[in-house]
N, C-alpha and C. Protein backbone atom coordinates (compact mmCIF):
# COMPACT_ATOMS: atom_id res chain seq x y z
N UNK A 1 94.75 52.23 191.69
CA UNK A 1 95.55 51.54 190.70
C UNK A 1 95.45 52.32 189.38
N UNK A 2 96.57 52.55 188.78
CA UNK A 2 96.64 53.28 187.52
C UNK A 2 96.42 52.34 186.36
N UNK A 3 95.46 52.69 185.51
CA UNK A 3 95.17 51.86 184.35
C UNK A 3 95.78 52.52 183.12
N UNK A 4 96.57 51.76 182.40
CA UNK A 4 97.24 52.29 181.22
C UNK A 4 96.42 51.91 180.00
N UNK A 5 96.05 52.91 179.23
CA UNK A 5 95.31 52.66 177.98
C UNK A 5 96.33 52.46 176.88
N UNK A 6 96.17 51.41 176.13
CA UNK A 6 97.11 51.17 175.04
C UNK A 6 96.71 52.01 173.83
N UNK A 7 97.70 52.51 173.17
CA UNK A 7 97.46 53.29 171.95
C UNK A 7 97.09 52.34 170.82
N UNK A 8 96.28 52.81 169.87
CA UNK A 8 95.94 51.95 168.75
C UNK A 8 97.18 51.57 167.96
N UNK A 9 97.22 50.35 167.45
CA UNK A 9 98.37 49.92 166.66
C UNK A 9 98.33 50.62 165.31
N UNK A 10 99.49 50.72 164.65
CA UNK A 10 99.57 51.47 163.40
C UNK A 10 98.63 50.94 162.31
N UNK A 11 98.22 49.67 162.38
CA UNK A 11 97.37 49.10 161.35
C UNK A 11 95.89 49.21 161.65
N UNK A 12 95.53 49.80 162.77
CA UNK A 12 94.11 49.91 163.12
C UNK A 12 93.46 51.01 162.29
N UNK A 13 92.19 50.80 161.94
CA UNK A 13 91.51 51.79 161.10
C UNK A 13 91.55 53.21 161.64
N UNK A 14 91.41 53.39 162.96
CA UNK A 14 91.41 54.76 163.49
C UNK A 14 92.75 55.44 163.29
N UNK A 15 93.84 54.71 163.47
CA UNK A 15 95.18 55.25 163.25
C UNK A 15 95.41 55.53 161.77
N UNK A 16 95.00 54.56 160.94
CA UNK A 16 95.15 54.74 159.50
C UNK A 16 94.35 55.95 159.02
N UNK A 17 93.15 56.13 159.57
CA UNK A 17 92.29 57.23 159.14
C UNK A 17 92.94 58.57 159.47
N UNK A 18 93.57 58.67 160.63
CA UNK A 18 94.26 59.91 161.00
C UNK A 18 95.39 60.19 160.01
N UNK A 19 96.09 59.14 159.60
CA UNK A 19 97.18 59.31 158.63
C UNK A 19 96.63 59.68 157.25
N UNK A 20 95.49 59.10 156.88
CA UNK A 20 94.86 59.44 155.60
C UNK A 20 94.47 60.92 155.60
N UNK A 21 93.91 61.38 156.71
CA UNK A 21 93.52 62.78 156.82
C UNK A 21 94.73 63.71 156.65
N UNK A 22 95.90 63.20 157.03
CA UNK A 22 97.14 63.98 156.88
C UNK A 22 97.72 63.85 155.47
N UNK A 23 97.05 63.06 154.59
CA UNK A 23 97.50 62.94 153.21
C UNK A 23 98.44 61.78 152.93
N UNK A 24 98.49 60.80 153.82
CA UNK A 24 99.40 59.67 153.67
C UNK A 24 98.82 58.63 152.70
N UNK A 25 99.45 58.50 151.52
CA UNK A 25 99.00 57.56 150.49
C UNK A 25 99.08 56.11 150.96
N UNK A 26 100.16 55.77 151.65
CA UNK A 26 100.34 54.39 152.12
C UNK A 26 99.26 54.02 153.15
N UNK A 27 98.90 54.94 154.01
CA UNK A 27 97.84 54.69 154.99
C UNK A 27 96.51 54.48 154.27
N UNK A 28 96.28 55.25 153.20
CA UNK A 28 95.05 55.08 152.42
C UNK A 28 95.01 53.69 151.79
N UNK A 29 96.12 53.23 151.24
CA UNK A 29 96.16 51.88 150.66
C UNK A 29 95.88 50.83 151.74
N UNK A 30 96.49 50.99 152.90
CA UNK A 30 96.29 50.03 153.98
C UNK A 30 94.83 50.05 154.47
N UNK A 31 94.27 51.24 154.61
CA UNK A 31 92.88 51.37 155.04
C UNK A 31 91.93 50.77 154.00
N UNK A 32 92.24 50.96 152.74
CA UNK A 32 91.44 50.38 151.66
C UNK A 32 91.42 48.86 151.78
N UNK A 33 92.56 48.25 152.10
CA UNK A 33 92.62 46.79 152.27
C UNK A 33 91.70 46.33 153.39
N UNK A 34 91.60 47.11 154.45
CA UNK A 34 90.75 46.76 155.58
C UNK A 34 89.27 46.92 155.25
N UNK A 35 88.93 47.99 154.56
CA UNK A 35 87.53 48.35 154.35
C UNK A 35 86.90 47.76 153.09
N UNK A 36 87.69 47.42 152.09
CA UNK A 36 87.14 47.06 150.78
C UNK A 36 86.23 45.83 150.81
N UNK A 37 86.67 44.73 151.39
CA UNK A 37 85.89 43.49 151.38
C UNK A 37 84.50 43.65 152.00
N UNK A 38 84.42 44.13 153.25
CA UNK A 38 83.10 44.33 153.85
C UNK A 38 82.24 45.32 153.07
N UNK A 39 82.86 46.37 152.54
CA UNK A 39 82.10 47.37 151.78
C UNK A 39 81.55 46.77 150.50
N UNK A 40 82.34 45.95 149.83
CA UNK A 40 81.89 45.30 148.60
C UNK A 40 80.72 44.38 148.89
N UNK A 41 80.79 43.63 150.00
CA UNK A 41 79.68 42.75 150.37
C UNK A 41 78.39 43.52 150.60
N UNK A 42 78.49 44.61 151.31
CA UNK A 42 77.31 45.45 151.55
C UNK A 42 76.77 46.01 150.24
N UNK A 43 77.65 46.54 149.42
CA UNK A 43 77.23 47.14 148.15
C UNK A 43 76.59 46.11 147.23
N UNK A 44 77.11 44.89 147.21
CA UNK A 44 76.51 43.85 146.37
C UNK A 44 75.10 43.51 146.84
N UNK A 45 74.90 43.51 148.13
CA UNK A 45 73.56 43.21 148.66
C UNK A 45 72.58 44.33 148.33
N UNK A 46 73.05 45.55 148.33
CA UNK A 46 72.16 46.68 148.05
C UNK A 46 71.90 46.80 146.55
N UNK A 47 72.94 46.61 145.74
CA UNK A 47 72.81 46.85 144.31
C UNK A 47 72.49 45.60 143.49
N UNK A 48 72.85 44.42 143.99
CA UNK A 48 72.55 43.18 143.28
C UNK A 48 73.46 42.87 142.11
N UNK A 49 74.52 43.62 141.93
CA UNK A 49 75.45 43.41 140.82
C UNK A 49 76.86 43.68 141.31
N UNK A 50 77.75 42.74 141.04
CA UNK A 50 79.13 42.92 141.48
C UNK A 50 79.77 44.14 140.80
N UNK A 51 79.54 44.29 139.51
CA UNK A 51 80.14 45.41 138.78
C UNK A 51 79.66 46.75 139.34
N UNK A 52 78.36 46.87 139.57
CA UNK A 52 77.81 48.11 140.13
C UNK A 52 78.35 48.32 141.55
N UNK A 53 78.45 47.23 142.32
CA UNK A 53 78.96 47.33 143.69
C UNK A 53 80.41 47.81 143.70
N UNK A 54 81.22 47.26 142.80
CA UNK A 54 82.61 47.68 142.74
C UNK A 54 82.72 49.17 142.41
N UNK A 55 81.88 49.62 141.47
CA UNK A 55 81.88 51.05 141.13
C UNK A 55 81.47 51.91 142.32
N UNK A 56 80.45 51.47 143.05
CA UNK A 56 79.99 52.23 144.21
C UNK A 56 81.06 52.29 145.29
N UNK A 57 81.75 51.18 145.53
CA UNK A 57 82.81 51.17 146.56
C UNK A 57 83.96 52.06 146.13
N UNK A 58 84.30 52.04 144.83
CA UNK A 58 85.36 52.93 144.35
C UNK A 58 84.97 54.40 144.57
N UNK A 59 83.72 54.73 144.28
CA UNK A 59 83.24 56.10 144.50
C UNK A 59 83.32 56.45 145.98
N UNK A 60 82.94 55.49 146.83
CA UNK A 60 82.99 55.72 148.29
C UNK A 60 84.43 55.92 148.76
N UNK A 61 85.36 55.17 148.20
CA UNK A 61 86.77 55.32 148.60
C UNK A 61 87.30 56.70 148.19
N UNK A 62 86.89 57.18 147.04
CA UNK A 62 87.30 58.52 146.61
C UNK A 62 86.73 59.55 147.59
N UNK A 63 85.47 59.37 148.00
CA UNK A 63 84.86 60.29 148.96
C UNK A 63 85.59 60.22 150.30
N UNK A 64 85.97 59.02 150.71
CA UNK A 64 86.72 58.88 151.96
C UNK A 64 88.02 59.67 151.88
N UNK A 65 88.75 59.53 150.79
CA UNK A 65 90.02 60.24 150.61
C UNK A 65 89.81 61.76 150.67
N UNK A 66 88.77 62.22 149.97
CA UNK A 66 88.53 63.66 149.88
C UNK A 66 87.98 64.27 151.16
N UNK A 67 87.31 63.49 151.97
CA UNK A 67 86.67 64.02 153.18
C UNK A 67 87.26 63.45 154.47
N UNK A 68 88.43 62.85 154.39
CA UNK A 68 89.04 62.20 155.56
C UNK A 68 89.19 63.13 156.75
N UNK A 69 89.48 64.40 156.48
CA UNK A 69 89.68 65.35 157.60
C UNK A 69 88.39 65.61 158.35
N UNK A 70 87.24 65.30 157.78
CA UNK A 70 85.95 65.50 158.46
C UNK A 70 85.62 64.37 159.44
N UNK A 71 86.33 63.26 159.34
CA UNK A 71 86.04 62.12 160.22
C UNK A 71 86.32 62.49 161.67
N UNK A 72 85.34 62.17 162.54
CA UNK A 72 85.47 62.43 163.97
C UNK A 72 85.40 61.10 164.72
N UNK A 73 86.54 60.61 165.23
CA UNK A 73 86.55 59.32 165.91
C UNK A 73 85.70 59.30 167.19
N UNK A 74 85.34 60.46 167.70
CA UNK A 74 84.49 60.51 168.90
C UNK A 74 83.04 60.20 168.55
N UNK A 75 82.67 60.35 167.27
CA UNK A 75 81.28 60.13 166.86
C UNK A 75 81.02 58.75 166.29
N UNK A 76 82.01 58.12 165.67
CA UNK A 76 81.79 56.82 165.04
C UNK A 76 83.11 56.11 164.80
N UNK A 77 83.01 54.80 164.60
CA UNK A 77 84.17 54.03 164.18
C UNK A 77 84.37 54.27 162.69
N UNK A 78 85.59 54.11 162.23
CA UNK A 78 85.90 54.31 160.82
C UNK A 78 85.02 53.40 159.96
N UNK A 79 84.88 52.14 160.37
CA UNK A 79 84.11 51.17 159.59
C UNK A 79 82.64 51.61 159.45
N UNK A 80 82.06 52.13 160.53
CA UNK A 80 80.67 52.58 160.52
C UNK A 80 80.53 53.82 159.65
N UNK A 81 81.46 54.74 159.77
CA UNK A 81 81.44 55.97 158.97
C UNK A 81 81.55 55.63 157.49
N UNK A 82 82.45 54.72 157.16
CA UNK A 82 82.64 54.34 155.76
C UNK A 82 81.42 53.57 155.24
N UNK A 83 80.80 52.75 156.08
CA UNK A 83 79.59 52.03 155.64
C UNK A 83 78.51 53.02 155.23
N UNK A 84 78.38 54.11 155.99
CA UNK A 84 77.38 55.13 155.64
C UNK A 84 77.69 55.72 154.27
N UNK A 85 78.97 55.99 154.00
CA UNK A 85 79.36 56.52 152.69
C UNK A 85 79.02 55.51 151.59
N UNK A 86 79.32 54.24 151.82
CA UNK A 86 79.05 53.20 150.83
C UNK A 86 77.55 53.09 150.55
N UNK A 87 76.75 53.04 151.60
CA UNK A 87 75.29 52.93 151.42
C UNK A 87 74.76 54.13 150.65
N UNK A 88 75.22 55.31 150.98
CA UNK A 88 74.77 56.51 150.25
C UNK A 88 75.18 56.44 148.78
N UNK A 89 76.39 55.97 148.50
CA UNK A 89 76.82 55.82 147.11
C UNK A 89 75.96 54.79 146.39
N UNK A 90 75.61 53.71 147.07
CA UNK A 90 74.76 52.68 146.47
C UNK A 90 73.37 53.25 146.16
N UNK A 91 72.81 53.97 147.09
CA UNK A 91 71.48 54.56 146.88
C UNK A 91 71.54 55.54 145.71
N UNK A 92 72.56 56.39 145.67
CA UNK A 92 72.71 57.33 144.56
C UNK A 92 72.87 56.59 143.24
N UNK A 93 73.66 55.53 143.26
CA UNK A 93 73.90 54.75 142.04
C UNK A 93 72.62 54.07 141.58
N UNK A 94 71.86 53.51 142.52
CA UNK A 94 70.62 52.82 142.18
C UNK A 94 69.61 53.79 141.57
N UNK A 95 69.56 54.99 142.10
CA UNK A 95 68.64 55.99 141.56
C UNK A 95 69.01 56.38 140.13
N UNK A 96 70.29 56.34 139.82
CA UNK A 96 70.74 56.77 138.50
C UNK A 96 70.65 55.66 137.46
N UNK A 97 70.48 54.42 137.89
CA UNK A 97 70.43 53.29 136.96
C UNK A 97 69.02 53.08 136.43
N UNK A 98 68.94 52.64 135.21
CA UNK A 98 67.66 52.22 134.67
C UNK A 98 67.37 50.84 135.22
N UNK A 99 66.10 50.49 135.45
CA UNK A 99 65.79 49.16 135.97
C UNK A 99 66.26 48.08 135.00
N UNK A 100 66.98 47.11 135.56
CA UNK A 100 67.44 45.95 134.79
C UNK A 100 67.20 44.70 135.62
N UNK A 101 67.17 43.59 134.97
CA UNK A 101 67.05 42.34 135.71
C UNK A 101 68.38 42.07 136.40
N UNK A 102 68.36 41.82 137.72
CA UNK A 102 69.62 41.57 138.42
C UNK A 102 70.21 40.23 138.02
N UNK A 103 71.53 40.17 137.96
CA UNK A 103 72.22 38.94 137.66
C UNK A 103 72.78 38.41 138.97
N UNK A 104 72.38 37.21 139.32
CA UNK A 104 72.84 36.64 140.58
C UNK A 104 74.16 35.93 140.34
N UNK A 105 75.25 36.53 140.84
CA UNK A 105 76.57 35.96 140.66
C UNK A 105 76.97 35.05 141.81
N UNK A 106 76.10 34.91 142.78
CA UNK A 106 76.48 34.23 144.01
C UNK A 106 76.08 32.77 144.05
N UNK A 107 75.61 32.18 142.95
CA UNK A 107 75.23 30.77 143.00
C UNK A 107 76.47 29.93 143.18
N UNK A 108 76.45 29.12 144.20
CA UNK A 108 77.58 28.27 144.51
C UNK A 108 77.08 26.83 144.48
N UNK A 109 77.33 26.14 143.40
CA UNK A 109 76.82 24.79 143.24
C UNK A 109 77.85 23.80 143.78
N UNK A 110 77.61 23.31 144.96
CA UNK A 110 78.52 22.35 145.57
C UNK A 110 77.92 20.96 145.49
N UNK A 111 78.78 19.98 145.41
CA UNK A 111 78.33 18.60 145.20
C UNK A 111 77.66 18.00 146.43
N UNK A 112 77.83 18.57 147.60
CA UNK A 112 77.23 17.99 148.80
C UNK A 112 75.81 18.49 149.05
N UNK A 113 75.18 19.09 148.06
CA UNK A 113 73.79 19.53 148.18
C UNK A 113 72.89 18.29 148.18
N UNK A 114 71.65 18.43 148.71
CA UNK A 114 70.76 17.28 148.84
C UNK A 114 70.40 16.60 147.52
N UNK A 115 70.35 17.30 146.44
CA UNK A 115 70.00 16.69 145.16
C UNK A 115 69.59 17.75 144.18
N UNK A 116 69.49 17.39 142.90
CA UNK A 116 69.19 18.40 141.89
C UNK A 116 67.84 19.09 142.08
N UNK A 117 66.81 18.33 142.49
CA UNK A 117 65.50 18.95 142.66
C UNK A 117 65.51 19.97 143.79
N UNK A 118 66.11 19.59 144.92
CA UNK A 118 66.18 20.49 146.06
C UNK A 118 67.05 21.71 145.74
N UNK A 119 68.13 21.45 145.03
CA UNK A 119 69.03 22.54 144.66
C UNK A 119 68.32 23.52 143.73
N UNK A 120 67.61 23.00 142.75
CA UNK A 120 66.88 23.85 141.81
C UNK A 120 65.80 24.65 142.52
N UNK A 121 65.06 23.99 143.41
CA UNK A 121 64.02 24.69 144.17
C UNK A 121 64.62 25.78 145.02
N UNK A 122 65.75 25.49 145.67
CA UNK A 122 66.42 26.50 146.49
C UNK A 122 66.92 27.67 145.67
N UNK A 123 67.48 27.38 144.50
CA UNK A 123 67.95 28.45 143.62
C UNK A 123 66.80 29.30 143.12
N UNK A 124 65.69 28.65 142.79
CA UNK A 124 64.51 29.39 142.32
C UNK A 124 63.97 30.29 143.43
N UNK A 125 63.92 29.75 144.65
CA UNK A 125 63.45 30.53 145.79
C UNK A 125 64.38 31.73 146.02
N UNK A 126 65.67 31.46 146.05
CA UNK A 126 66.64 32.53 146.27
C UNK A 126 66.54 33.61 145.19
N UNK A 127 66.36 33.20 143.96
CA UNK A 127 66.22 34.15 142.86
C UNK A 127 64.97 34.99 143.04
N UNK A 128 63.85 34.36 143.40
CA UNK A 128 62.60 35.11 143.60
C UNK A 128 62.76 36.11 144.74
N UNK A 129 63.36 35.67 145.83
CA UNK A 129 63.55 36.57 146.98
C UNK A 129 64.49 37.71 146.58
N UNK A 130 65.60 37.38 145.91
CA UNK A 130 66.54 38.41 145.47
C UNK A 130 65.89 39.41 144.53
N UNK A 131 65.08 38.90 143.59
CA UNK A 131 64.38 39.80 142.66
C UNK A 131 63.41 40.70 143.41
N UNK A 132 62.72 40.14 144.39
CA UNK A 132 61.76 40.93 145.18
C UNK A 132 62.48 42.01 145.97
N UNK A 133 63.60 41.67 146.58
CA UNK A 133 64.37 42.66 147.34
C UNK A 133 64.83 43.79 146.42
N UNK A 134 65.24 43.44 145.20
CA UNK A 134 65.72 44.46 144.26
C UNK A 134 64.61 45.41 143.82
N UNK A 135 63.34 45.01 143.96
CA UNK A 135 62.22 45.87 143.58
C UNK A 135 61.83 46.85 144.69
N UNK A 136 62.37 46.65 145.89
CA UNK A 136 62.08 47.56 147.00
C UNK A 136 62.69 48.93 146.72
N UNK A 137 62.11 49.98 147.28
CA UNK A 137 62.75 51.30 147.19
C UNK A 137 64.15 51.23 147.81
N UNK A 138 65.04 52.07 147.33
CA UNK A 138 66.46 52.01 147.69
C UNK A 138 66.71 52.02 149.20
N UNK A 139 66.05 52.88 149.95
CA UNK A 139 66.30 52.97 151.40
C UNK A 139 65.78 51.73 152.11
N UNK A 140 64.63 51.19 151.69
CA UNK A 140 64.13 49.95 152.29
C UNK A 140 65.08 48.80 151.98
N UNK A 141 65.56 48.73 150.74
CA UNK A 141 66.48 47.67 150.34
C UNK A 141 67.78 47.77 151.14
N UNK A 142 68.27 48.98 151.31
CA UNK A 142 69.50 49.16 152.09
C UNK A 142 69.28 48.72 153.53
N UNK A 143 68.16 49.13 154.13
CA UNK A 143 67.89 48.76 155.53
C UNK A 143 67.78 47.26 155.69
N UNK A 144 67.05 46.61 154.79
CA UNK A 144 66.83 45.17 154.95
C UNK A 144 68.10 44.37 154.67
N UNK A 145 68.93 44.83 153.72
CA UNK A 145 70.17 44.10 153.47
C UNK A 145 71.20 44.33 154.57
N UNK A 146 71.22 45.52 155.14
CA UNK A 146 72.13 45.75 156.26
C UNK A 146 71.69 44.94 157.48
N UNK A 147 70.37 44.86 157.71
CA UNK A 147 69.87 44.16 158.89
C UNK A 147 70.03 42.64 158.75
N UNK A 148 69.54 42.08 157.67
CA UNK A 148 69.58 40.62 157.50
C UNK A 148 70.88 40.14 156.87
N UNK A 149 71.42 40.90 155.94
CA UNK A 149 72.63 40.46 155.25
C UNK A 149 73.90 40.69 156.04
N UNK A 150 74.01 41.88 156.66
CA UNK A 150 75.23 42.22 157.39
C UNK A 150 75.09 42.04 158.90
N UNK A 151 73.86 41.86 159.38
CA UNK A 151 73.65 41.73 160.81
C UNK A 151 73.86 43.03 161.56
N UNK A 152 73.69 44.16 160.87
CA UNK A 152 73.89 45.46 161.51
C UNK A 152 72.76 45.74 162.51
N UNK A 153 73.08 46.48 163.53
CA UNK A 153 72.08 46.86 164.54
C UNK A 153 71.24 48.03 164.02
N UNK A 154 70.13 48.29 164.70
CA UNK A 154 69.28 49.42 164.32
C UNK A 154 70.07 50.73 164.35
N UNK A 155 70.91 50.90 165.36
CA UNK A 155 71.71 52.12 165.47
C UNK A 155 72.70 52.24 164.32
N UNK A 156 73.35 51.12 163.96
CA UNK A 156 74.30 51.16 162.85
C UNK A 156 73.60 51.47 161.53
N UNK A 157 72.43 50.88 161.33
CA UNK A 157 71.67 51.14 160.11
C UNK A 157 71.22 52.60 160.09
N UNK A 158 70.75 53.09 161.24
CA UNK A 158 70.32 54.49 161.33
C UNK A 158 71.47 55.42 160.98
N UNK A 159 72.64 55.11 161.47
CA UNK A 159 73.79 55.95 161.17
C UNK A 159 74.15 55.86 159.68
N UNK A 160 74.11 54.66 159.12
CA UNK A 160 74.44 54.49 157.70
C UNK A 160 73.45 55.21 156.80
N UNK A 161 72.19 55.23 157.19
CA UNK A 161 71.16 55.87 156.38
C UNK A 161 70.87 57.31 156.81
N UNK A 162 71.63 57.77 157.80
CA UNK A 162 71.49 59.13 158.32
C UNK A 162 70.04 59.40 158.76
N UNK A 163 69.55 58.54 159.63
CA UNK A 163 68.19 58.67 160.14
C UNK A 163 68.19 58.17 161.59
N UNK A 164 67.01 57.91 162.14
CA UNK A 164 66.90 57.45 163.52
C UNK A 164 66.60 55.95 163.54
N UNK A 165 66.90 55.29 164.66
CA UNK A 165 66.55 53.87 164.78
C UNK A 165 65.03 53.65 164.60
N UNK A 166 64.22 54.57 165.07
CA UNK A 166 62.77 54.44 164.91
C UNK A 166 62.39 54.46 163.42
N UNK A 167 63.03 55.33 162.65
CA UNK A 167 62.78 55.38 161.21
C UNK A 167 63.23 54.09 160.53
N UNK A 168 64.32 53.50 161.02
CA UNK A 168 64.80 52.23 160.48
C UNK A 168 63.76 51.15 160.72
N UNK A 169 63.17 51.14 161.91
CA UNK A 169 62.11 50.17 162.21
C UNK A 169 60.98 50.30 161.19
N UNK A 170 60.61 51.53 160.86
CA UNK A 170 59.57 51.75 159.86
C UNK A 170 59.98 51.27 158.48
N UNK A 171 61.23 51.54 158.09
CA UNK A 171 61.73 51.07 156.80
C UNK A 171 61.69 49.55 156.73
N UNK A 172 62.13 48.90 157.81
CA UNK A 172 62.12 47.44 157.84
C UNK A 172 60.70 46.88 157.81
N UNK A 173 59.79 47.50 158.55
CA UNK A 173 58.40 47.03 158.56
C UNK A 173 57.78 47.15 157.17
N UNK A 174 58.01 48.28 156.51
CA UNK A 174 57.46 48.45 155.16
C UNK A 174 58.10 47.48 154.18
N UNK A 175 59.40 47.26 154.31
CA UNK A 175 60.10 46.33 153.41
C UNK A 175 59.57 44.91 153.61
N UNK A 176 59.40 44.50 154.86
CA UNK A 176 58.88 43.15 155.14
C UNK A 176 57.47 42.98 154.59
N UNK A 177 56.63 44.00 154.78
CA UNK A 177 55.25 43.92 154.28
C UNK A 177 55.24 43.84 152.76
N UNK A 178 56.05 44.63 152.11
CA UNK A 178 56.11 44.62 150.65
C UNK A 178 56.65 43.28 150.14
N UNK A 179 57.66 42.75 150.80
CA UNK A 179 58.21 41.46 150.41
C UNK A 179 57.17 40.35 150.60
N UNK A 180 56.43 40.42 151.70
CA UNK A 180 55.39 39.41 151.94
C UNK A 180 54.37 39.41 150.81
N UNK A 181 53.99 40.60 150.33
CA UNK A 181 53.04 40.69 149.21
C UNK A 181 53.64 40.11 147.94
N UNK A 182 54.89 40.51 147.66
CA UNK A 182 55.53 40.07 146.42
C UNK A 182 55.80 38.57 146.41
N UNK A 183 56.03 38.01 147.59
CA UNK A 183 56.40 36.59 147.66
C UNK A 183 55.26 35.69 148.12
N UNK A 184 54.05 36.23 148.15
CA UNK A 184 52.89 35.47 148.54
C UNK A 184 52.77 34.21 147.67
N UNK A 185 52.58 33.09 148.28
CA UNK A 185 52.42 31.84 147.55
C UNK A 185 53.73 31.18 147.17
N UNK A 186 54.86 31.71 147.59
CA UNK A 186 56.15 31.13 147.22
C UNK A 186 56.30 29.70 147.75
N UNK A 187 55.87 29.45 148.99
CA UNK A 187 55.99 28.11 149.57
C UNK A 187 55.21 27.08 148.76
N UNK A 188 54.02 27.45 148.35
CA UNK A 188 53.18 26.51 147.61
C UNK A 188 53.77 26.21 146.23
N UNK A 189 54.39 27.23 145.61
CA UNK A 189 54.96 27.05 144.28
C UNK A 189 56.14 26.13 144.28
N UNK A 190 56.94 26.19 145.34
CA UNK A 190 58.16 25.39 145.41
C UNK A 190 57.90 24.22 146.27
């Protein structure tokens, strides 16, 4: 029996990426629409600031445009390849920034919360955890946010950080140990 493989639709990232590599501005705009939201979420988790994340994603999009012809669909999906670019831009950006207190823009105060005391305790806990994550070295922070925040696999994280899955395990273990030290006594305090 002959099996017919369907060609990717014109709006799929792999098709758009081929068009971007050929210099198609409209394909780049369409690909940006597909990639921007997930990339911004990842960058915000790594950098802790929406403004910094937006700048990092913009830098990553410029790199995508300039290096589109280097993309090899046999080696990775467009989304995975672009995530690696975003993470690298975030790490570079974090290294260039002076340490500042992160501003948590993600507080969502909804009326169906259990009550003001529980809400305040939860916000305080989240702030402490977020602050602790921001104190981790850039590669550990990237690994832990990709793993827990994005649900990325070890292989996806390894590809994004340009390392091996075994090295990712080490990054995660060190990040967890450091977070455990920084957050020691958190349960008792709250």
